[in-house]
Amino acid sequence: MGAGAVGGYFGGRLAAAGRDVTFLVREARAAALARDGLVIRSP
C-alpha cells in the first residue's frame, strides 16, 4: 500500500497489531521513513 495519509494510517495500525505490512513509496519518502520512522497521532 502507499504510505500517504490514508495508507500510512491503516498500514501503521496494521503493523502495530502485529501484521506484516509493505509500503510502496518513492525514494524520497523511503529515506524519510528510514530516517524518522512512521508516526501516527490519533485520539
C-alpha atoms as a PDB file:
ATOM      1  CA  MET A   1       0.000   0.000   0.000  1.00  0.00           C
ATOM      2  CA  GLY A   2       1.092   3.603  -0.332  1.00  0.00           C
ATOM      3  CA  ALA A   3       2.420   5.454   2.708  1.00  0.00           C
ATOM      4  CA  GLY A   4       0.484   8.688   2.294  1.00  0.00           C
ATOM      5  CA  ALA A   5      -2.052   9.899   4.838  1.00  0.00           C
ATOM      6  CA  VAL A   6      -4.598   7.086   4.473  1.00  0.00           C
ATOM      7  CA  GLY A   7      -2.237   4.232   3.601  1.00  0.00           C
ATOM      8  CA  GLY A   8       0.220   5.312   6.287  1.00  0.00           C
ATOM      9  CA  TYR A   9      -2.521   5.375   8.906  1.00  0.00           C
ATOM     10  CA  PHE A  10      -4.032   1.997   8.088  1.00  0.00           C
ATOM     11  CA  GLY A  11      -0.669   0.369   7.405  1.00  0.00           C
ATOM     12  CA  GLY A  12       0.707   1.718  10.666  1.00  0.00           C
ATOM     13  CA  ARG A  13      -2.277   0.431  12.617  1.00  0.00           C
ATOM     14  CA  LEU A  14      -1.947  -2.992  10.988  1.00  0.00           C
ATOM     15  CA  ALA A  15       1.783  -3.070  11.772  1.00  0.00           C
ATOM     16  CA  ALA A  16       1.091  -2.066  15.388  1.00  0.00           C
ATOM     17  CA  ALA A  17      -1.313  -5.017  15.584  1.00  0.00           C
ATOM     18  CA  GLY A  18       1.474  -7.370  14.505  1.00  0.00           C
ATOM     19  CA  ARG A  19       0.582  -7.741  10.833  1.00  0.00           C
ATOM     20  CA  ASP A  20       3.202  -7.687   8.075  1.00  0.00           C
ATOM     21  CA  VAL A  21       2.877  -4.510   6.014  1.00  0.00           C
ATOM     22  CA  THR A  22       4.764  -3.448   2.899  1.00  0.00           C
ATOM     23  CA  PHE A  23       4.676   0.166   1.737  1.00  0.00           C
ATOM     24  CA  LEU A  24       5.367   1.138  -1.864  1.00  0.00           C
ATOM     25  CA  VAL A  25       6.968   4.573  -1.772  1.00  0.00           C
ATOM     26  CA  ARG A  26       9.193   6.818  -3.837  1.00  0.00           C
ATOM     27  CA  GLU A  27      12.864   7.174  -2.957  1.00  0.00           C
ATOM     28  CA  ALA A  28      12.487  10.460  -1.029  1.00  0.00           C
ATOM     29  CA  ARG A  29       9.633   9.078   1.105  1.00  0.00           C
ATOM     30  CA  ALA A  30      11.606   5.873   1.747  1.00  0.00           C
ATOM     31  CA  ALA A  31      14.532   7.968   3.002  1.00  0.00           C
ATOM     32  CA  ALA A  32      12.231   9.982   5.291  1.00  0.00           C
ATOM     33  CA  LEU A  33      10.654   6.799   6.683  1.00  0.00           C
ATOM     34  CA  ALA A  34      14.075   5.250   7.281  1.00  0.00           C
ATOM     35  CA  ARG A  35      15.270   8.432   8.997  1.00  0.00           C
ATOM     36  CA  ASP A  36      12.154   9.378  11.014  1.00  0.00           C
ATOM     37  CA  GLY A  37      10.034   6.226  11.127  1.00  0.00           C
ATOM     38  CA  LEU A  38       6.264   6.296  10.791  1.00  0.00           C
ATOM     39  CA  VAL A  39       4.498   8.343  13.464  1.00  0.00           C
ATOM     40  CA  ILE A  40       0.722   8.155  13.857  1.00  0.00           C
ATOM     41  CA  ARG A  41      -1.061  10.692  16.022  1.00  0.00           C
ATOM     42  CA  SER A  42      -4.645   9.672  16.663  1.00  0.00           C
ATOM     43  CA  PRO A  43      -7.052  10.296  19.541  1.00  0.00           C
END
